[in-house]
Amino acid sequence: MSTAAISEASMPRLPRGVRLKHDDTRNEWLLLAPERILKADPIAAEILKRCTGEATLAAIVDDLAASFGAERTRIDADVRALLAGLADKRMVEL
């Protein structure tokens, strides 16, 4: 999926069977899906925590930009790239 194809009004969420879990033993975030595990770096984990299906992409980007004091356009590009990649793997629904 192209990052440009993701609408600002899209409400990303983890599909059924996919969940974000913190592994306390290794102190790392994991994105768990049937027969697949992806390590999520701290930035990806912050994005995925907000993918509840209740917030729009625009709201997620605004929240991250405010929380981390970062430039909105940079956050927007990073969030779109992550979500597009995960959507291609069917680990996020847009």
Protein backbone atom coordinates (compact mmCIF):
# COMPACT_ATOMS: atom_id res chain seq x y z
CA MET A 1 0.00 0.00 0.00
CA SER A 2 1.24 3.47 -0.84
CA THR A 3 1.72 5.89 2.04
CA ALA A 4 -0.17 8.52 0.02
CA ALA A 5 -3.17 6.19 -0.20
CA ILE A 6 -3.74 6.34 3.55
CA SER A 7 -6.45 8.89 4.31
CA GLU A 8 -6.17 11.36 7.19
CA ALA A 9 -9.63 10.12 8.22
CA SER A 10 -8.50 6.49 8.30
CA MET A 11 -8.88 4.91 11.74
CA PRO A 12 -6.06 2.35 11.99
CA ARG A 13 -6.46 -0.62 14.29
CA LEU A 14 -4.93 -3.99 14.96
CA PRO A 15 -6.99 -6.73 13.33
CA ARG A 16 -8.48 -9.64 15.20
CA GLY A 17 -5.71 -11.97 16.34
CA VAL A 18 -2.99 -9.28 16.31
CA ARG A 19 -1.88 -7.59 19.50
CA LEU A 20 0.87 -5.43 20.87
CA LYS A 21 2.50 -6.90 23.97
CA HIS A 22 5.35 -5.82 26.17
CA ASP A 23 7.79 -8.64 26.95
CA ASP A 24 8.93 -7.81 30.48
CA THR A 25 11.69 -10.41 30.41
CA ARG A 26 13.43 -8.83 27.42
CA ASN A 27 12.04 -5.33 28.03
CA GLU A 28 10.82 -4.98 24.45
CA TRP A 29 7.55 -4.52 22.58
CA LEU A 30 6.29 -7.29 20.31
CA LEU A 31 3.58 -7.27 17.68
CA LEU A 32 2.06 -10.74 17.85
CA ALA A 33 0.02 -12.34 15.07
CA PRO A 34 -0.79 -15.95 14.27
CA GLU A 35 2.54 -17.63 13.50
CA ARG A 36 4.36 -14.26 13.33
CA ILE A 37 6.18 -12.03 15.79
CA LEU A 38 7.67 -8.64 15.00
CA LYS A 39 9.80 -6.65 17.41
CA ALA A 40 8.50 -3.11 17.67
CA ASP A 41 11.03 -0.41 18.46
CA PRO A 42 9.92 2.23 20.99
CA ILE A 43 8.69 4.60 18.26
CA ALA A 44 6.66 1.90 16.51
CA ALA A 45 5.19 0.86 19.87
CA GLU A 46 4.04 4.44 20.56
CA ILE A 47 2.33 4.53 17.16
CA LEU A 48 0.73 1.10 17.57
CA LYS A 49 -0.56 1.90 21.07
CA ARG A 50 -2.68 4.60 19.43
CA CYS A 51 -4.07 2.30 16.70
CA THR A 52 -7.28 1.40 18.50
CA GLY A 53 -9.73 2.06 15.68
CA GLU A 54 -11.06 5.04 17.62
CA ALA A 55 -8.64 7.78 16.51
CA THR A 56 -8.08 9.03 12.98
CA LEU A 57 -4.64 9.04 11.40
CA ALA A 58 -4.64 12.84 11.70
CA ALA A 59 -5.42 12.64 15.44
CA ILE A 60 -2.68 10.04 15.99
CA VAL A 61 -0.12 12.19 14.19
CA ASP A 62 -1.21 15.31 16.12
CA ASP A 63 -0.97 13.44 19.42
CA LEU A 64 2.50 12.09 18.65
CA ALA A 65 3.74 15.48 17.47
CA ALA A 66 2.47 17.12 20.66
CA SER A 67 3.75 14.34 22.95
CA PHE A 68 7.26 14.33 21.52
CA GLY A 69 7.60 17.95 20.39
CA ALA A 70 8.42 16.87 16.86
CA GLU A 71 7.59 18.36 13.49
CA ARG A 72 4.15 17.17 12.34
CA THR A 73 5.18 16.56 8.72
CA ARG A 74 8.03 14.30 9.82
CA ILE A 75 5.77 12.37 12.22
CA ASP A 76 3.12 12.05 9.50
CA ALA A 77 5.60 10.56 7.03
CA ASP A 78 6.97 8.10 9.61
CA VAL A 79 3.51 6.99 10.78
CA ARG A 80 2.28 6.51 7.20
CA ALA A 81 5.37 4.47 6.29
CA LEU A 82 5.02 2.20 9.32
CA LEU A 83 1.29 1.67 8.86
CA ALA A 84 1.58 1.03 5.12
CA GLY A 85 4.24 -1.62 5.73
CA LEU A 86 2.22 -3.31 8.45
CA ALA A 87 -0.97 -3.13 6.37
CA ASP A 88 0.84 -4.97 3.57
CA LYS A 89 1.63 -7.70 6.11
CA ARG A 90 -2.00 -7.67 7.34
CA MET A 91 -0.90 -6.65 10.81
CA VAL A 92 -2.80 -3.33 10.75
CA GLU A 93 -6.19 -2.47 9.25
CA LEU A 94 -6.62 1.02 7.85
